Amino acid sequence: MALHFPDMGESDSRSALLNGVREFAERRIAPIASKVDEEDRIPPEFYTEMKEQGLMSMLVPEEQGGLGLSTSLFAEVLEMISGYSGGIGLSLEAHNSLGLGHFSKYGSKELIKSTMPGILESGKPVAWALTEPRGGSDARGMETRATRSGNGFMIRGTKTFITHGYTADYIVLMAKTEKGITAFLVDGGSDGLKREQIKGKLGTRGPDTATLSFDDVFVPETNVLGEEGHGFEQAMELLDGGRIAVGAMGVGIARRALSLSVDYAKQREAFGSKIAGFEGIRFGLAELGTSTEASALLVKRAAELRDAGQPHRKMAAMAKYLSSQVAMEATRYAIQVHGGYGYFKGNVVERMYRDAKLLEIGEGTNEVLKLVISSEMFR
């Protein structure tokens, strides 16, 4: 069952979509989540299955062939999926809100018309290449250069920690031109492009990660996204949305961790009683439950502001900052509740603990987010 219901009313459509996502997550994602983590691989046929469910084009407008979801609904979908697999959640977040989202929002009508149908039909994720070996959060210190050559640009430089970078057919790349940082859509089959897969991630395993080297890679001028020199502003705008999405992932992971903890506490006995009756367990879960709902409200508020076209940079940063911390604490506590059983690989809460850590790093480290929040406060 695909997740698009154009003939229903807005409320019915939203409910039907979320019910469909929940059913898909329980039926298809939950059974493979451990294998995806263990093998650090999402099978290509599963991307095809997610494409058929509409999950690979969630933010693409309907006129471009996508679902055209609001930020709010997209966040709810990611929350639900991330509770079952942080790796699959990350893949969908990076593809929809960054790679494909950037192309969909800033690509020319001609480029969208010629390229978007093939991307959507393939079901393959689009990579988003901003981070460099010598600069992660410091985007303005970018060293990758794009020099004019004929009717396009020659690109030289290196990007690293690029999600989907090893397998993507298309890469949205940020590089410096004479006019400043500019975004390009790069064909993954371009001459001069070399990819090196990075293995050994702690968590959110599944989507591939790579270092990309560009050695005089030619990109036609028609593949410039938006205006030349405006790539930094585009990237920051996309990251605002990405932080809301990462915040939603944190809420999903925290909620599932708490649910698993409650279920286990009802079953586990110690000193002749269920540990669910111990005040130390109950109070810890009460505190984390409160923090989780607070972070969920921040994510919801940030998404609503973005959907309304209102300033939301500070709220998005706050949502990601808080939810990532809550996800870490909720999964840490879940391991504590599960005791020795929670400490070993193969236990869901152990995997979720590793998944949660990336949320404090990706889409801007939490230290950078405190700079963003404070800067917005002192405007």
Protein backbone atom coordinates (compact mmCIF):
# COMPACT_ATOMS: atom_id res chain seq x y z
CA MET A 1 0.00 0.00 0.00
CA ALA A 2 1.54 3.30 -1.08
CA LEU A 3 1.44 6.19 1.35
CA HIS A 4 -0.38 8.71 -0.81
CA PHE A 5 -4.09 9.38 -0.47
CA PRO A 6 -4.96 12.38 -2.68
CA ASP A 7 -8.74 11.84 -2.66
CA MET A 8 -9.14 12.01 1.11
CA GLY A 9 -9.62 15.04 3.33
CA GLU A 10 -6.53 16.49 4.98
CA SER A 11 -7.18 14.94 8.40
CA ASP A 12 -8.10 11.52 7.01
CA SER A 13 -5.13 11.58 4.66
CA ARG A 14 -2.71 12.41 7.48
CA SER A 15 -4.10 9.66 9.69
CA ALA A 16 -4.05 7.11 6.87
CA LEU A 17 -0.47 8.00 5.93
CA LEU A 18 0.81 7.70 9.50
CA ASN A 19 -1.05 4.44 10.02
CA GLY A 20 0.51 3.16 6.80
CA VAL A 21 3.99 4.18 7.97
CA ARG A 22 3.46 2.52 11.34
CA GLU A 23 2.31 -0.70 9.69
CA PHE A 24 5.26 -0.64 7.28
CA ALA A 25 7.74 0.04 10.08
CA GLU A 26 6.44 -2.81 12.21
CA ARG A 27 6.06 -5.26 9.34
CA ARG A 28 9.16 -4.51 7.25
CA ILE A 29 11.66 -2.32 9.13
CA ALA A 30 11.62 -3.91 12.60
CA PRO A 31 12.49 -7.43 11.31
CA ILE A 32 15.57 -6.25 9.37
CA ALA A 33 16.84 -3.50 11.69
CA SER A 34 19.41 -5.69 13.45
CA LYS A 35 20.70 -7.11 10.16
CA VAL A 36 21.01 -3.63 8.65
CA ASP A 37 23.06 -2.59 11.68
CA GLU A 38 25.20 -5.73 11.72
CA GLU A 39 26.01 -5.64 8.00
CA ASP A 40 26.07 -1.82 7.78
CA ARG A 41 24.04 -2.08 4.60
CA ILE A 42 20.53 -1.30 3.40
CA PRO A 43 19.75 -3.67 0.50
CA PRO A 44 19.03 -1.91 -2.82
CA GLU A 45 15.74 -3.79 -3.09
CA PHE A 46 14.64 -2.26 0.22
CA TYR A 47 15.14 1.23 -1.22
CA THR A 48 12.88 0.12 -4.07
CA GLU A 49 10.32 -0.99 -1.53
CA MET A 50 10.55 2.33 0.31
CA LYS A 51 10.20 4.14 -3.03
CA GLU A 52 6.98 2.27 -3.69
CA GLN A 53 5.74 3.40 -0.29
CA GLY A 54 6.52 7.03 -1.17
CA LEU A 55 9.26 7.33 1.44
CA MET A 56 11.94 8.35 -1.08
CA SER A 57 10.11 11.50 -2.25
CA MET A 58 8.41 12.82 0.87
CA LEU A 59 9.29 16.51 0.53
CA VAL A 60 9.26 16.69 -3.27
CA PRO A 61 6.21 18.73 -4.40
CA GLU A 62 3.41 16.80 -6.11
CA GLU A 63 3.99 18.68 -9.36
CA GLN A 64 7.52 17.23 -9.39
CA GLY A 65 6.25 13.72 -8.75
CA GLY A 66 6.61 13.48 -4.97
CA LEU A 67 4.31 13.33 -1.94
CA GLY A 68 4.63 17.02 -1.08
CA LEU A 69 4.50 16.45 2.68
CA SER A 70 4.67 19.33 5.12
CA THR A 71 7.67 19.57 7.43
CA SER A 72 5.39 18.60 10.32
CA LEU A 73 4.19 15.40 8.69
CA PHE A 74 7.67 14.52 7.45
CA ALA A 75 8.93 14.86 11.03
CA GLU A 76 6.21 12.52 12.29
CA VAL A 77 7.13 9.92 9.68
CA LEU A 78 10.83 10.11 10.58
CA GLU A 79 10.06 9.87 14.28
CA MET A 80 8.09 6.68 13.73
CA ILE A 81 10.70 5.02 11.50
CA SER A 82 13.73 6.02 13.60
CA GLY A 83 12.29 4.29 16.63
CA TYR A 84 12.70 1.01 14.74
CA SER A 85 15.97 1.75 12.90
CA GLY A 86 18.19 4.76 13.36
CA GLY A 87 20.15 3.78 10.25
CA ILE A 88 17.12 3.70 7.98
CA GLY A 89 15.84 6.87 9.63
CA LEU A 90 19.15 8.61 8.89
CA SER A 91 19.09 7.46 5.27
CA LEU A 92 15.61 8.88 4.74
CA GLU A 93 16.48 12.10 6.57
CA ALA A 94 19.68 12.76 4.62
CA HIS A 95 18.10 11.95 1.26
CA ASN A 96 14.79 13.74 1.68
CA SER A 97 15.73 16.85 3.64
CA LEU A 98 19.24 17.46 2.26
CA GLY A 99 20.21 15.75 -1.02
CA LEU A 100 16.93 15.45 -2.87
CA GLY A 101 15.45 18.36 -0.91
CA HIS A 102 18.19 20.72 -2.08
CA PHE A 103 17.81 19.69 -5.72
CA SER A 104 14.02 19.89 -5.59
CA LYS A 105 14.01 23.37 -4.04
CA TYR A 106 16.80 25.07 -6.00
CA GLY A 107 17.11 23.17 -9.27
CA SER A 108 15.96 25.01 -12.41
CA LYS A 109 12.67 23.99 -14.02
CA GLU A 110 14.57 22.55 -16.96
CA LEU A 111 16.92 20.52 -14.75
CA ILE A 112 14.04 19.27 -12.60
CA LYS A 113 12.10 18.24 -15.70
CA SER A 114 15.02 16.38 -17.24
CA THR A 115 16.47 14.74 -14.12
CA MET A 116 13.89 14.39 -11.34
CA PRO A 117 11.81 11.61 -13.00
CA GLY A 118 14.88 9.39 -13.31
CA ILE A 119 15.93 10.01 -9.71
CA LEU A 120 12.48 9.18 -8.38
CA GLU A 121 12.14 6.12 -10.58
CA SER A 122 15.51 4.74 -9.44
CA GLY A 123 14.60 4.94 -5.77
CA LYS A 124 18.26 5.63 -4.98
CA PRO A 125 19.25 8.28 -2.43
CA VAL A 126 20.84 11.57 -3.48
CA ALA A 127 24.02 12.47 -1.57
CA TRP A 128 24.68 15.92 -0.07
CA ALA A 129 28.36 16.91 0.04
CA LEU A 130 29.29 19.79 2.33
CA THR A 131 31.74 18.45 4.94
CA GLU A 132 35.47 18.43 4.15
CA PRO A 133 38.43 16.70 5.84
CA ARG A 134 39.70 19.97 7.34
CA GLY A 135 36.35 21.54 8.05
CA GLY A 136 33.07 20.05 9.23
CA SER A 137 31.01 22.74 10.91
CA ASP A 138 33.22 25.49 9.43
CA ALA A 139 31.52 25.63 6.03
CA ARG A 140 32.97 29.06 5.23
CA GLY A 141 36.46 27.55 5.38
CA MET A 142 35.64 25.34 2.38
CA GLU A 143 38.58 24.41 0.16
CA THR A 144 36.79 22.67 -2.75
CA ARG A 145 36.95 24.96 -5.80
CA ALA A 146 34.87 25.24 -8.96
CA THR A 147 36.62 27.13 -11.75
CA ARG A 148 34.85 28.30 -14.91
CA SER A 149 35.63 26.23 -17.98
CA GLY A 150 33.71 26.69 -21.23
CA ASN A 151 30.00 26.26 -20.59
CA GLY A 152 30.49 24.96 -17.07
CA PHE A 153 32.89 24.47 -14.16
CA MET A 154 35.84 22.23 -13.32
CA ILE A 155 35.72 21.07 -9.70
CA ARG A 156 38.69 20.11 -7.53
CA GLY A 157 38.56 19.14 -3.88
CA THR A 158 37.59 16.51 -1.33
CA LYS A 159 34.46 15.88 0.71
CA THR A 160 34.19 13.38 3.54
CA PHE A 161 31.65 11.68 5.83
CA ILE A 162 29.16 11.92 2.96
CA THR A 163 26.06 9.81 3.58
CA HIS A 164 25.15 7.80 0.44
CA GLY A 165 28.33 9.13 -1.18
CA TYR A 166 29.59 5.71 -2.22
CA THR A 167 26.50 4.62 -4.18
CA ALA A 168 24.58 7.78 -5.13
CA ASP A 169 23.89 8.40 -8.80
CA TYR A 170 23.70 12.14 -8.06
CA ILE A 171 25.51 14.33 -5.56
CA VAL A 172 24.56 17.83 -4.48
CA LEU A 173 27.95 19.46 -3.99
CA MET A 174 28.99 22.76 -2.41
CA ALA A 175 32.13 24.37 -3.85
CA LYS A 176 33.66 27.86 -3.99
CA THR A 177 33.52 29.88 -7.20
CA GLU A 178 34.62 33.47 -7.83
CA LYS A 179 31.22 34.59 -6.52
CA GLY A 180 31.27 32.47 -3.36
CA ILE A 181 29.99 29.07 -2.28
CA THR A 182 27.82 27.55 -4.99
CA ALA A 183 25.71 24.39 -5.12
CA PHE A 184 25.95 21.95 -8.03
CA LEU A 185 24.19 18.77 -9.04
CA VAL A 186 26.98 16.37 -9.96
CA ASP A 187 26.44 13.19 -11.98
CA GLY A 188 27.88 10.26 -10.04
CA GLY A 189 29.37 8.85 -13.23
CA SER A 190 31.48 11.93 -13.98
CA ASP A 191 35.10 11.51 -15.04
CA GLY A 192 37.51 12.49 -12.30
CA LEU A 193 35.20 11.54 -9.42
CA LYS A 194 36.68 8.98 -7.03
CA ARG A 195 34.88 7.43 -4.07
CA GLU A 196 36.32 5.70 -1.03
CA GLN A 197 33.89 3.99 1.31
CA ILE A 198 34.29 4.68 5.02
CA LYS A 199 33.59 1.72 7.29
CA GLY A 200 33.42 1.32 11.06
CA LYS A 201 30.63 3.68 12.12
CA LEU A 202 29.57 3.39 15.75
CA GLY A 203 25.86 3.63 15.01
CA THR A 204 23.18 4.65 12.48
CA ARG A 205 24.66 1.91 10.36
CA GLY A 206 23.08 0.99 7.03
CA PRO A 207 23.43 3.94 4.65
CA ASP A 208 26.90 4.00 3.11
CA THR A 209 29.38 6.74 3.99
CA ALA A 210 32.24 7.90 1.76
CA THR A 211 35.07 10.28 1.02
CA LEU A 212 34.65 11.89 -2.42
CA SER A 213 37.59 13.23 -4.41
CA PHE A 214 36.98 15.60 -7.34
CA ASP A 215 39.90 15.81 -9.75
CA ASP A 216 38.84 18.24 -12.50
CA VAL A 217 35.24 17.01 -12.55
CA PHE A 218 33.29 18.95 -15.19
CA VAL A 219 29.80 20.14 -14.29
CA PRO A 220 27.72 22.06 -16.87
CA GLU A 221 26.45 25.49 -15.91
CA THR A 222 22.89 24.18 -16.21
CA ASN A 223 23.59 22.03 -13.12
CA VAL A 224 24.14 25.03 -10.85
CA LEU A 225 21.42 24.99 -8.19
CA GLY A 226 19.93 28.42 -7.65
CA GLU A 227 22.24 31.39 -8.20
CA GLU A 228 26.01 31.16 -8.26
CA GLY A 229 27.47 32.33 -4.96
CA HIS A 230 24.30 31.57 -2.96
CA GLY A 231 25.15 28.00 -1.97
CA PHE A 232 26.02 28.84 1.64
CA GLU A 233 22.65 30.46 2.27
CA GLN A 234 20.94 27.50 0.60
CA ALA A 235 22.86 25.04 2.75
CA MET A 236 22.01 26.88 5.97
CA GLU A 237 18.33 26.95 5.00
CA LEU A 238 18.40 23.21 4.26
CA LEU A 239 20.20 22.53 7.55
CA ASP A 240 17.44 24.32 9.45
CA GLY A 241 15.01 21.78 8.06
CA GLY A 242 17.50 18.97 8.58
CA ARG A 243 17.81 19.86 12.26
CA ILE A 244 14.07 19.55 12.68
CA ALA A 245 14.28 16.14 11.02
CA VAL A 246 17.16 15.03 13.25
CA GLY A 247 15.17 16.30 16.22
CA ALA A 248 12.29 14.07 15.14
CA MET A 249 14.68 11.13 14.92
CA GLY A 250 15.75 11.80 18.50
CA VAL A 251 12.16 11.87 19.69
CA GLY A 252 11.47 8.56 17.95
CA ILE A 253 14.52 6.87 19.44
CA ALA A 254 13.79 8.22 22.94
CA ARG A 255 10.13 7.17 22.86
CA ARG A 256 10.97 3.64 21.73
CA ALA A 257 13.72 3.33 24.33
CA LEU A 258 11.29 4.35 27.06
CA SER A 259 8.64 1.95 25.78
CA LEU A 260 11.09 -0.94 25.78
CA SER A 261 12.23 0.01 29.28
CA VAL A 262 8.68 0.04 30.63
CA ASP A 263 7.90 -3.32 29.03
CA TYR A 264 11.06 -4.89 30.40
CA ALA A 265 10.52 -3.45 33.89
CA LYS A 266 7.08 -5.08 33.98
CA GLN A 267 8.64 -8.48 33.30
CA ARG A 268 11.96 -8.43 35.14
CA GLU A 269 11.99 -9.58 38.76
CA ALA A 270 14.57 -8.73 41.42
CA PHE A 271 14.42 -9.29 45.17
CA GLY A 272 11.10 -11.03 44.75
CA SER A 273 9.34 -8.15 42.95
CA LYS A 274 8.94 -6.71 39.46
CA ILE A 275 11.46 -3.92 39.03
CA ALA A 276 8.62 -1.77 37.69
CA GLY A 277 7.64 -1.33 41.32
CA PHE A 278 11.00 0.15 42.33
CA GLU A 279 10.90 3.89 42.85
CA GLY A 280 14.38 4.33 41.40
CA ILE A 281 13.23 2.84 38.08
CA ARG A 282 9.89 4.63 38.00
CA PHE A 283 11.26 8.09 38.81
CA GLY A 284 14.00 7.82 36.20
CA LEU A 285 11.46 6.90 33.54
CA ALA A 286 9.16 9.69 34.69
CA GLU A 287 11.90 12.28 34.25
CA LEU A 288 12.90 10.97 30.84
CA GLY A 289 9.28 10.71 29.71
CA THR A 290 8.80 14.37 30.57
CA SER A 291 11.98 15.41 28.74
CA THR A 292 10.99 13.36 25.70
CA GLU A 293 7.59 15.04 25.43
CA ALA A 294 9.23 18.45 25.88
CA SER A 295 11.61 17.75 23.00
CA ALA A 296 8.68 16.49 20.89
CA LEU A 297 6.89 19.80 21.42
CA LEU A 298 10.00 21.73 20.37
CA VAL A 299 10.24 19.68 17.17
CA LYS A 300 6.54 20.23 16.51
CA ARG A 301 6.81 23.98 17.05
CA ALA A 302 9.89 24.31 14.82
CA ALA A 303 8.16 22.32 12.06
CA GLU A 304 5.03 24.45 12.29
CA LEU A 305 7.07 27.65 11.99
CA ARG A 306 8.90 26.30 8.93
CA ASP A 307 5.63 25.24 7.31
CA ALA A 308 4.22 28.72 7.94
CA GLY A 309 7.25 30.40 6.37
CA GLN A 310 8.19 31.99 9.70
CA PRO A 311 11.71 32.39 11.15
CA HIS A 312 12.65 29.09 12.76
CA ARG A 313 16.46 28.85 12.90
CA LYS A 314 16.61 29.19 16.69
CA MET A 315 13.71 26.81 17.30
CA ALA A 316 15.13 24.20 14.90
CA ALA A 317 18.50 24.36 16.67
CA MET A 318 16.82 24.07 20.07
CA ALA A 319 14.76 21.10 18.91
CA LYS A 320 17.77 19.21 17.60
CA TYR A 321 19.92 20.14 20.60
CA LEU A 322 17.42 18.98 23.21
CA SER A 323 16.10 15.89 21.44
CA SER A 324 19.58 14.53 20.74
CA GLN A 325 20.50 14.85 24.40
CA VAL A 326 17.24 13.23 25.49
CA ALA A 327 17.75 10.36 23.03
CA MET A 328 21.21 9.73 24.46
CA GLU A 329 19.96 9.79 28.02
CA ALA A 330 16.87 7.68 27.31
CA THR A 331 18.90 4.97 25.57
CA ARG A 332 21.58 5.03 28.28
CA TYR A 333 18.89 4.58 30.91
CA ALA A 334 17.26 1.82 28.85
CA ILE A 335 20.51 -0.13 29.00
CA GLN A 336 20.62 0.47 32.76
CA VAL A 337 17.08 -0.86 33.15
CA HIS A 338 17.91 -3.93 31.06
CA GLY A 339 21.05 -4.53 33.11
CA GLY A 340 23.53 -7.04 31.71
CA TYR A 341 21.14 -8.04 28.95
CA GLY A 342 21.13 -4.50 27.58
CA TYR A 343 24.92 -4.34 27.39
CA PHE A 344 25.37 -6.95 24.68
CA LYS A 345 25.12 -6.66 20.91
CA GLY A 346 21.89 -8.03 19.59
CA ASN A 347 19.81 -6.21 22.17
CA VAL A 348 17.70 -3.44 20.64
CA VAL A 349 18.56 -0.87 23.32
CA GLU A 350 22.30 -1.39 22.78
CA ARG A 351 21.85 -0.58 19.08
CA MET A 352 19.66 2.42 19.85
CA TYR A 353 22.29 3.80 22.25
CA ARG A 354 24.86 3.75 19.45
CA ASP A 355 22.36 5.24 17.00
CA ALA A 356 21.55 8.13 19.32
CA LYS A 357 25.13 9.40 19.48
CA LEU A 358 25.20 10.65 15.89
CA LEU A 359 22.32 12.99 16.65
CA GLU A 360 24.63 15.08 18.84
CA ILE A 361 27.06 15.43 15.91
CA GLY A 362 25.19 15.45 12.59
CA GLU A 363 23.51 18.53 11.08
CA GLY A 364 25.74 20.71 13.25
CA THR A 365 27.34 19.55 16.50
CA ASN A 366 25.52 20.48 19.67
CA GLU A 367 28.33 22.90 20.47
CA VAL A 368 27.70 24.70 17.17
CA LEU A 369 23.98 24.68 17.87
CA LYS A 370 24.56 26.53 21.14
CA LEU A 371 26.35 29.18 19.09
CA VAL A 372 23.37 29.34 16.71
CA ILE A 373 20.85 29.57 19.55
CA SER A 374 22.76 32.26 21.44
CA SER A 375 23.38 34.26 18.25
CA GLU A 376 19.67 34.25 17.49
CA MET A 377 18.88 35.27 21.07
CA PHE A 378 21.18 38.30 20.88
CA ARG A 379 20.02 39.56 17.48
